[in-house]
Protein backbone atom coordinates (compact mmCIF):
# COMPACT_ATOMS: atom_id res chain seq x y z
CA MET A 1 -41.94 16.98 -8.86
CA GLU A 2 -40.12 16.35 -12.27
CA HIS A 3 -39.37 12.66 -13.07
CA PHE A 4 -36.25 11.44 -15.02
CA ASP A 5 -34.87 8.20 -15.92
CA THR A 6 -31.52 9.03 -14.21
CA ILE A 7 -30.62 12.10 -11.89
CA VAL A 8 -26.93 12.89 -11.74
CA VAL A 9 -25.86 14.87 -8.72
CA GLY A 10 -22.78 16.96 -9.54
CA ALA A 11 -21.67 18.55 -12.76
CA GLY A 12 -17.92 17.81 -12.50
CA VAL A 13 -16.11 15.58 -14.94
CA ALA A 14 -17.56 12.29 -13.41
CA GLY A 15 -21.15 13.58 -13.55
CA LEU A 16 -21.07 15.04 -16.92
CA SER A 17 -19.32 11.90 -18.32
CA ALA A 18 -22.10 9.64 -16.87
CA ALA A 19 -24.87 12.05 -18.01
CA ARG A 20 -23.43 12.40 -21.53
CA LEU A 21 -23.18 8.64 -22.18
CA LEU A 22 -26.61 8.06 -20.59
CA THR A 23 -28.14 10.71 -22.69
CA ASP A 24 -26.33 9.41 -25.75
CA ALA A 25 -27.89 6.18 -24.92
CA GLY A 26 -31.50 7.57 -24.91
CA ARG A 27 -32.09 8.15 -21.39
CA ARG A 28 -33.74 11.22 -20.06
CA VAL A 29 -31.15 12.82 -17.58
CA VAL A 30 -30.97 15.79 -15.35
CA VAL A 31 -27.82 17.11 -13.81
CA LEU A 32 -28.23 18.74 -10.56
CA GLU A 33 -25.35 21.16 -9.63
CA ALA A 34 -25.08 23.05 -6.38
CA ARG A 35 -22.69 25.84 -7.72
CA ASP A 36 -23.29 28.56 -10.28
CA ARG A 37 -21.09 26.85 -12.81
CA ILE A 38 -20.25 23.43 -14.21
CA GLY A 39 -16.76 21.51 -13.65
CA GLY A 40 -16.70 20.80 -10.01
CA ARG A 41 -12.92 20.90 -8.90
CA VAL A 42 -11.93 21.71 -12.49
CA VAL A 43 -12.21 25.64 -12.48
CA THR A 44 -10.27 28.21 -14.60
CA ASP A 45 -9.77 31.81 -13.62
CA ARG A 46 -9.15 34.25 -16.35
CA THR A 47 -8.38 37.52 -14.67
CA GLY A 48 -6.11 39.59 -16.82
CA GLY A 49 -6.50 37.38 -19.71
CA VAL A 50 -4.41 34.59 -18.24
CA ALA A 51 -5.89 31.32 -17.68
CA THR A 52 -5.24 29.95 -14.21
CA ASP A 53 -6.36 26.52 -13.22
CA LEU A 54 -7.37 26.77 -9.49
CA GLY A 55 -8.31 23.18 -9.29
CA ALA A 56 -7.31 20.30 -11.53
CA SER A 57 -4.10 21.45 -13.65
CA TRP A 58 -2.49 18.34 -15.19
CA ILE A 59 -2.97 15.02 -17.21
CA HIS A 60 -0.64 12.98 -15.02
CA GLY A 61 0.40 10.74 -18.00
CA VAL A 62 -1.17 11.03 -21.44
CA THR A 63 -0.54 7.38 -22.61
CA ASP A 64 -3.94 5.70 -22.89
CA SER A 65 -5.73 8.46 -20.98
CA PRO A 66 -9.26 9.03 -21.83
CA VAL A 67 -8.83 12.53 -20.91
CA ALA A 68 -6.00 13.13 -23.18
CA ALA A 69 -8.01 11.61 -26.21
CA ALA A 70 -10.91 13.95 -25.24
CA ALA A 71 -8.66 16.99 -24.97
CA GLU A 72 -7.26 16.26 -28.36
CA ALA A 73 -10.71 15.80 -29.78
CA PHE A 74 -11.85 19.03 -28.42
CA GLY A 75 -8.98 20.86 -29.82
CA MET A 76 -7.44 21.84 -26.25
CA ARG A 77 -3.94 23.13 -26.47
CA THR A 78 -1.36 21.43 -24.10
CA VAL A 79 2.04 22.17 -22.83
CA GLU A 80 4.16 19.34 -21.66
CA PHE A 81 5.18 19.77 -17.93
CA THR A 82 5.97 16.58 -16.33
CA VAL A 83 6.14 16.47 -12.56
CA GLY A 84 5.50 12.95 -12.30
CA GLY A 85 4.76 12.03 -8.50
CA TYR A 86 7.05 14.46 -6.79
CA GLN A 87 9.86 13.04 -8.91
CA PRO A 88 13.54 13.76 -7.65
CA ASP A 89 14.94 13.97 -11.30
CA SER A 90 14.25 13.41 -15.01
CA ARG A 91 13.46 16.88 -15.49
CA PRO A 92 16.16 19.74 -14.38
CA ILE A 93 15.66 20.44 -10.60
CA ALA A 94 17.69 23.02 -8.76
CA TYR A 95 18.35 21.67 -5.30
CA TYR A 96 19.23 23.95 -2.33
CA GLY A 97 20.59 22.54 0.83
CA PRO A 98 19.63 23.41 4.40
CA ASP A 99 21.96 26.41 4.50
CA GLY A 100 20.23 27.88 1.57
CA THR A 101 23.17 27.36 -1.04
CA ARG A 102 22.56 25.42 -4.19
CA LEU A 103 23.87 21.83 -4.06
CA THR A 104 26.58 21.02 -6.55
CA ASP A 105 25.68 18.72 -9.49
CA ALA A 106 27.54 15.79 -7.62
CA ALA A 107 25.87 16.37 -4.43
CA ALA A 108 22.52 16.59 -5.93
CA GLN A 109 23.12 13.35 -7.76
CA GLY A 110 24.04 11.74 -4.56
CA PHE A 111 20.77 12.73 -2.96
CA ILE A 112 18.78 11.57 -5.98
CA ASP A 113 20.49 8.33 -5.75
CA ASP A 114 19.72 7.82 -2.23
CA ILE A 115 15.96 8.63 -3.03
CA HIS A 116 15.89 6.00 -5.76
CA ALA A 117 17.61 3.37 -3.26
CA VAL A 118 14.82 3.89 -0.72
CA ASP A 119 12.16 3.68 -3.47
CA ARG A 120 13.56 0.41 -4.56
CA ALA A 121 13.54 -1.01 -0.90
CA LEU A 122 10.00 0.56 -0.39
CA VAL A 123 8.61 -2.00 -3.15
CA ASP A 124 9.19 -5.02 -0.72
CA VAL A 125 8.54 -2.93 2.63
CA VAL A 126 5.11 -1.75 1.44
CA ALA A 127 4.09 -5.19 0.12
CA ALA A 128 5.01 -6.84 3.48
CA SER A 129 3.19 -4.11 5.59
CA ALA A 130 0.45 -4.52 7.99
CA LEU A 131 -3.10 -2.98 7.47
CA GLU A 132 -2.45 -0.64 10.56
CA GLU A 133 0.75 0.94 9.24
CA SER A 134 1.25 4.19 7.74
CA TYR A 135 3.36 5.65 5.11
CA ARG A 136 5.73 6.98 7.88
CA ASP A 137 6.17 3.38 9.18
CA VAL A 138 7.18 1.88 5.81
CA THR A 139 9.37 4.81 4.65
CA ASP A 140 11.28 4.77 7.99
CA ARG A 141 12.00 0.96 7.65
CA ALA A 142 13.15 1.33 3.96
CA ILE A 143 15.48 4.15 5.12
CA ALA A 144 16.86 2.06 7.94
CA LEU A 145 17.70 -0.74 5.71
CA GLN A 146 20.33 1.59 3.96
CA GLY A 147 22.50 1.90 7.03
CA TRP A 148 23.08 5.75 6.70
CA ASP A 149 23.96 8.24 9.29
CA ALA A 150 21.41 10.36 10.81
CA GLU A 151 22.00 13.49 8.49
CA ARG A 152 21.78 11.52 5.18
CA SER A 153 18.60 9.71 6.47
CA ARG A 154 17.03 12.70 7.55
CA ARG A 155 17.34 14.44 3.95
CA VAL A 156 15.59 11.55 2.48
CA GLN A 157 12.92 11.25 5.23
CA GLU A 158 11.91 14.83 4.69
CA TYR A 159 11.79 14.38 1.22
CA LEU A 160 9.30 11.55 1.62
CA GLU A 161 7.28 13.85 4.03
CA HIS A 162 6.96 16.27 1.16
CA ARG A 163 6.04 13.54 -1.46
CA SER A 164 3.27 12.46 0.95
CA GLU A 165 2.17 16.11 1.32
CA GLU A 166 2.50 17.11 -2.31
CA GLN A 167 0.84 13.96 -3.62
CA TYR A 168 -1.91 13.55 -1.20
CA GLY A 169 -2.05 16.70 0.76
CA ALA A 170 -1.59 14.43 3.87
CA TRP A 171 0.84 14.31 6.62
CA ILE A 172 2.80 11.14 6.48
CA ASP A 173 1.67 9.48 9.61
CA ASP A 174 -1.70 9.85 8.38
CA LEU A 175 -1.32 8.32 4.94
CA ALA A 176 -1.89 4.59 4.58
CA ALA A 177 1.17 2.40 3.87
CA HIS A 178 -0.35 1.79 0.50
CA GLY A 179 -1.53 5.19 -0.11
CA LEU A 180 0.98 5.86 -2.95
CA ASP A 181 0.65 2.55 -4.56
CA ASP A 182 -0.91 4.46 -7.41
CA ASP A 183 2.03 6.71 -7.77
CA SER A 184 2.93 6.01 -11.38
CA ILE A 185 2.98 7.85 -14.46
CA ASP A 186 2.64 6.68 -18.03
CA GLY A 187 3.89 9.06 -20.74
CA ASP A 188 4.23 12.94 -20.54
CA GLU A 189 2.23 15.00 -18.22
CA VAL A 190 0.76 18.11 -19.76
CA VAL A 191 -1.11 21.28 -18.70
CA PHE A 192 -3.64 23.47 -20.54
CA PRO A 193 -2.60 27.03 -21.36
CA ASP A 194 -6.07 28.10 -22.32
CA GLY A 195 -7.72 26.47 -19.14
CA TYR A 196 -8.80 22.93 -18.13
CA ASP A 197 -12.38 24.07 -17.87
CA ARG A 198 -12.98 23.72 -21.57
CA LEU A 199 -13.23 19.93 -20.90
CA PRO A 200 -16.40 20.11 -18.66
CA THR A 201 -17.64 22.78 -20.98
CA ARG A 202 -17.61 20.58 -24.02
CA LEU A 203 -18.97 17.39 -21.85
CA ALA A 204 -21.86 19.60 -20.73
CA SER A 205 -23.01 20.55 -24.20
CA GLY A 206 -26.64 19.53 -24.97
CA LEU A 207 -27.12 18.29 -21.25
CA ASP A 208 -30.03 19.45 -19.04
CA VAL A 209 -27.85 20.90 -16.40
CA ARG A 210 -29.73 22.74 -13.39
CA LEU A 211 -27.17 25.04 -11.67
CA GLU A 212 -27.53 26.30 -8.12
CA HIS A 213 -29.63 23.28 -6.99
CA VAL A 214 -28.04 22.22 -3.87
CA ALA A 215 -29.02 18.65 -3.01
CA SER A 216 -29.24 17.60 0.50
CA ARG A 217 -30.87 14.24 0.60
CA VAL A 218 -31.00 11.08 -1.65
CA ASP A 219 -33.64 8.68 -0.81
CA TRP A 220 -33.43 5.23 -2.64
CA SER A 221 -36.00 3.44 -0.76
CA ASP A 222 -38.92 1.70 -2.25
CA GLY A 223 -36.99 0.94 -5.45
CA ARG A 224 -36.78 4.38 -6.72
CA ILE A 225 -34.64 7.75 -6.31
CA ALA A 226 -36.02 10.87 -4.73
CA VAL A 227 -33.66 13.77 -4.42
CA THR A 228 -34.48 16.90 -2.27
CA THR A 229 -32.76 20.20 -3.28
CA ASP A 230 -33.28 23.98 -2.17
CA ARG A 231 -35.27 24.24 -5.39
CA GLY A 232 -37.50 21.30 -4.98
CA GLY A 233 -37.54 17.74 -5.44
CA PHE A 234 -36.86 15.48 -8.18
CA THR A 235 -37.53 11.55 -8.68
CA ALA A 236 -35.96 9.00 -11.08
CA ASP A 237 -35.47 5.23 -11.76
CA ALA A 238 -31.65 5.68 -10.91
CA ALA A 239 -29.14 7.99 -9.60
CA VAL A 240 -25.47 8.77 -10.06
CA VAL A 241 -23.96 10.75 -7.13
CA THR A 242 -20.67 12.34 -7.77
CA VAL A 243 -20.27 14.61 -4.89
CA PRO A 244 -16.64 14.53 -3.10
CA VAL A 245 -16.05 12.33 -0.27
CA GLY A 246 -15.97 15.44 2.10
CA VAL A 247 -19.60 16.25 1.05
CA LEU A 248 -20.77 12.42 1.48
CA GLN A 249 -19.49 12.38 5.00
CA SER A 250 -21.09 15.72 6.03
CA ASP A 251 -24.30 16.26 7.81
CA ASP A 252 -25.42 18.44 4.93
CA PHE A 253 -25.85 15.46 2.53
CA VAL A 254 -28.01 12.70 3.77
CA VAL A 255 -28.43 9.45 1.92
CA GLU A 256 -31.64 7.37 3.07
CA PRO A 257 -31.41 4.52 3.89
CA PRO A 258 -27.79 4.78 5.09
CA LEU A 259 -25.16 3.48 2.64
CA LEU A 260 -24.59 -0.28 2.78
CA GLU A 261 -21.29 -2.24 3.08
CA PRO A 262 -18.97 -2.35 1.46
CA VAL A 263 -19.64 1.35 0.57
CA ALA A 264 -20.19 2.53 4.09
CA GLY A 265 -16.79 1.11 5.38
CA ALA A 266 -14.85 2.27 2.35
CA LEU A 267 -16.23 5.91 2.69
CA ALA A 268 -15.23 5.76 6.46
CA ARG A 269 -11.54 5.06 5.77
CA LEU A 270 -11.15 7.91 3.15
CA ARG A 271 -10.65 11.29 3.90
CA MET A 272 -10.68 14.76 1.99
CA ASN A 273 -7.20 16.35 2.27
CA ALA A 274 -5.81 19.74 2.86
CA PHE A 275 -4.07 20.90 -0.32
CA GLU A 276 -3.98 24.46 -1.79
CA LYS A 277 -2.38 26.17 -4.68
CA VAL A 278 -0.25 29.25 -4.41
CA PHE A 279 0.51 31.18 -7.83
CA LEU A 280 3.04 34.05 -7.75
CA ARG A 281 3.47 36.10 -10.79
CA PHE A 282 6.56 38.37 -10.95
CA PRO A 283 7.64 41.45 -13.21
CA THR A 284 10.82 39.31 -14.09
CA LYS A 285 12.21 35.87 -13.69
CA PHE A 286 14.72 36.12 -10.99
CA TRP A 287 15.27 32.30 -10.46
CA ASP A 288 17.45 29.65 -11.84
CA ASP A 289 17.44 29.34 -15.69
CA ASP A 290 16.69 26.20 -17.39
CA VAL A 291 15.06 24.36 -14.52
CA TYR A 292 11.28 23.27 -14.28
CA ALA A 293 11.52 23.04 -10.30
CA ILE A 294 13.39 24.47 -7.42
CA ARG A 295 13.56 22.60 -4.26
CA GLN A 296 15.12 23.37 -0.77
CA GLN A 297 16.03 20.83 1.98
CA GLY A 298 16.11 21.29 5.62
CA PRO A 299 13.92 22.73 8.44
CA GLU A 300 13.18 26.07 6.56
CA GLY A 301 11.42 23.94 3.80
CA ALA A 302 8.98 22.48 6.16
CA TRP A 303 6.12 24.23 4.59
CA TRP A 304 7.49 25.83 1.14
CA HIS A 305 9.94 23.59 -0.20
CA SER A 306 9.11 23.28 -3.88
CA TRP A 307 8.39 25.76 -6.68
CA TYR A 308 7.37 25.15 -10.38
CA ASP A 309 8.25 27.40 -13.16
CA LEU A 310 5.00 28.01 -15.10
CA THR A 311 6.62 30.76 -17.21
CA ALA A 312 6.34 28.60 -20.41
CA LEU A 313 2.39 28.62 -20.29
CA HIS A 314 1.61 32.13 -20.93
CA GLY A 315 5.20 33.91 -21.04
CA VAL A 316 4.67 35.55 -17.58
CA PRO A 317 7.07 34.86 -14.91
CA THR A 318 5.22 32.51 -12.57
CA LEU A 319 6.12 30.22 -9.89
CA LEU A 320 3.68 27.59 -8.36
CA THR A 321 4.01 25.99 -4.88
CA PHE A 322 1.68 24.11 -2.78
CA ALA A 323 0.30 24.61 0.71
CA ALA A 324 -0.07 20.89 1.35
CA GLY A 325 -0.96 19.02 4.69
CA PRO A 326 0.04 20.69 7.82
CA ALA A 327 1.01 24.10 5.80
CA ALA A 328 -2.55 24.13 4.41
CA VAL A 329 -4.17 23.53 7.86
CA ALA A 330 -2.01 26.11 9.41
CA THR A 331 -2.36 28.89 6.79
CA ARG A 332 -6.05 28.16 6.21
CA ASP A 333 -7.34 31.36 7.55
CA TRP A 334 -4.41 33.65 6.52
CA PRO A 335 -4.89 36.45 4.23
CA GLU A 336 -3.54 35.93 0.78
CA SER A 337 -0.85 38.61 1.43
CA ASP A 338 0.30 36.78 4.56
CA VAL A 339 0.66 33.40 2.68
CA ALA A 340 2.53 35.10 -0.17
CA GLU A 341 4.83 36.91 2.38
CA SER A 342 5.55 33.67 3.97
CA VAL A 343 6.45 31.92 0.61
CA LEU A 344 8.78 34.95 -0.24
CA ALA A 345 10.77 34.80 2.86
CA GLN A 346 11.85 31.37 1.72
CA LEU A 347 12.44 32.35 -1.78
CA ARG A 348 14.74 35.31 -0.24
CA ARG A 349 16.71 32.68 1.47
CA LEU A 350 17.63 31.28 -1.96
CA TYR A 351 17.75 34.47 -4.04
CA GLY A 352 18.28 37.46 -1.76
CA ASP A 353 17.31 40.80 -3.09
CA ARG A 354 16.59 39.54 -6.52
CA VAL A 355 13.24 38.28 -5.32
CA GLU A 356 10.62 41.04 -6.38
CA GLN A 357 7.13 41.65 -5.00
CA PRO A 358 4.66 39.51 -7.05
CA THR A 359 2.24 41.47 -9.49
CA ARG A 360 -0.37 38.96 -8.59
CA ILE A 361 -1.18 36.36 -6.10
CA ASP A 362 -3.65 33.50 -6.19
CA VAL A 363 -4.32 31.17 -3.38
CA THR A 364 -6.92 28.42 -3.38
CA ALA A 365 -9.17 27.59 -0.56
CA TRP A 366 -10.67 24.21 -1.28
CA GLN A 367 -10.74 23.30 2.33
CA ASP A 368 -13.53 26.05 2.97
CA ASP A 369 -15.50 25.18 -0.08
CA PRO A 370 -18.79 23.57 1.07
CA PHE A 371 -19.35 21.60 -2.22
CA ALA A 372 -15.64 20.05 -2.02
CA ARG A 373 -14.45 20.33 1.61
CA GLY A 374 -10.75 19.58 0.38
CA SER A 375 -9.07 19.04 -2.90
CA TYR A 376 -9.40 15.31 -3.11
CA ALA A 377 -9.57 11.99 -1.18
CA TYR A 378 -6.67 10.02 0.35
CA MET A 379 -6.38 6.62 2.07
CA THR A 380 -6.03 6.86 5.79
CA VAL A 381 -4.40 4.29 7.90
CA GLY A 382 -6.30 1.24 7.98
CA SER A 383 -7.66 1.70 4.40
CA THR A 384 -6.73 -0.56 1.51
CA THR A 385 -6.58 0.18 -2.25
CA ALA A 386 -9.65 -1.82 -2.79
CA ASP A 387 -11.58 0.91 -1.01
CA HIS A 388 -11.86 3.17 -4.15
CA ASP A 389 -13.67 0.52 -6.21
CA ASP A 390 -15.64 -0.60 -3.23
CA LEU A 391 -16.95 2.98 -2.87
CA ALA A 392 -18.63 2.70 -6.12
CA THR A 393 -20.51 -0.75 -5.41
CA PRO A 394 -24.12 -0.28 -6.77
CA ILE A 395 -26.55 0.15 -3.91
CA GLY A 396 -30.06 -1.49 -4.43
CA GLY A 397 -29.48 -1.69 -8.01
CA ILE A 398 -30.22 1.98 -8.46
CA LEU A 399 -27.87 4.26 -6.54
CA HIS A 400 -24.54 4.56 -7.90
CA LEU A 401 -21.43 6.69 -6.55
CA ALA A 402 -18.84 8.16 -8.94
CA GLY A 403 -15.99 10.63 -8.83
CA GLU A 404 -12.12 10.74 -8.39
CA ALA A 405 -12.24 8.88 -4.93
CA THR A 406 -14.00 5.69 -6.59
CA TRP A 407 -11.30 4.57 -8.91
CA THR A 408 -8.51 2.40 -7.73
CA ASP A 409 -5.91 2.61 -10.54
CA ASP A 410 -5.45 6.34 -10.54
CA PRO A 411 -7.55 8.17 -7.93
CA ALA A 412 -7.46 11.74 -7.24
CA THR A 413 -7.28 12.54 -10.98
CA VAL A 414 -9.51 13.85 -13.55
CA PRO A 415 -9.23 10.57 -15.75
CA ALA A 416 -10.36 8.70 -12.47
CA ALA A 417 -13.32 10.98 -12.44
CA MET A 418 -14.04 10.44 -16.15
CA LEU A 419 -13.61 6.80 -15.96
CA SER A 420 -15.83 6.35 -12.99
CA GLY A 421 -18.56 8.27 -14.46
CA HIS A 422 -18.27 5.75 -17.61
CA ARG A 423 -18.60 2.72 -15.33
CA ALA A 424 -21.54 4.29 -13.65
CA ALA A 425 -23.22 4.81 -16.86
CA VAL A 426 -22.54 1.18 -17.82
CA ASN A 427 -24.01 0.07 -14.46
CA VAL A 428 -27.03 2.04 -14.98
CA LEU A 429 -27.49 0.87 -18.36
CA GLY A 430 -26.74 -2.72 -17.73
CA ARG A 431 -24.55 -2.99 -20.72
CA ASP A 432 -21.25 -1.93 -22.12
CA VAL A 433 -21.03 1.54 -23.84
CA ALA A 434 -17.77 3.00 -25.39
CA ILE A 435 -16.26 5.71 -23.52
CA GLU A 436 -15.08 7.24 -26.84
CA ARG A 437 -18.76 8.44 -27.19
CA LEU A 438 -17.90 11.24 -24.88
CA TRP A 439 -15.94 12.87 -27.46
CA ALA A 440 -17.31 11.48 -30.65
CA GLU A 441 -18.93 13.92 -32.96
CA GLY A 442 -22.74 13.46 -33.52
């Protein structure tokens, strides 16, 4: 049984960040990864010579982002594509009404103004909300304050339902009232035309990463760490565990002795979401010119309501939409062709016979991934924003949890994963270490 200074479980961005900083500090570190690749929920498909990010895609705000700094240092090309928290405006959006016709500029602006009015009211309503209230409760209250008629209220209400789904892959009744408190963007958002996976590839350089080592048990008793995998056991003085919340909550991953408070309580109040990407590539671009997104209102948009034009990334006419929340659950077992046809039916409402058959379809399946069990974590009703940081509370001085779900300020993002990995390394070392070491030369 091999012994190390530190065992890191998981070779996603959080695990690789922790391992790189600890190795840089002179520690003997091994990274145990269940998959046959590094990256975790950062994965790029390059079929046909086009990079498609099936997991993480964006840096949601480059200002003061360590991931943006690392990407620049690693020479990763970016394209500005700001979607900003399911924003209603700031970038050109083609809005279509419930009848399938495009809204006039004046009608679209009126709808946008209504959303901003509710968002302003939401600040105080959410601040005054009770622990057991959902995002539905607070948004309904903010809408009621406006005194609108039923139709006007319903259009904004469905927009906020879609915001909950597209931001956190959760139905609005299941998301905590404070579940979108982190929904702020500093600076432009960017995507990676050459693939996001270049980030974990660079972070992993020079590390001892053991692929296809499925960890099933972490024992932190007796002041030491013992990790059991399907390829044998490993021991260490400390461990950084970066598996997603869905894996931590499963019977396939055992922590012994059981997690202590406040970690256990925080974990119980978080859930992995249902959130899948649907990429459709077409022979020609049939949709609106000079818009970055297309959105439809009304009952027909219950599942497929927003499409994002990714043509600028590679010059290939491409629309991205999301199966989020109820749509992701309902279509979970559908063949890709059925998912695509369901999406195309809604596009035909807007564009008629101009809609062509796609030349390529990509539909993700994170709900069925045994090493993820969803795309990222969200706050259930009864959770507080502190649960994210509480999840990272060191246990017994030797066991540390990290990952996107353990960072309060910007959870569910790659920067959150990187920052949590840095924090775990600092806690293991017992002293500060510059996060810039992750992308420093030498």
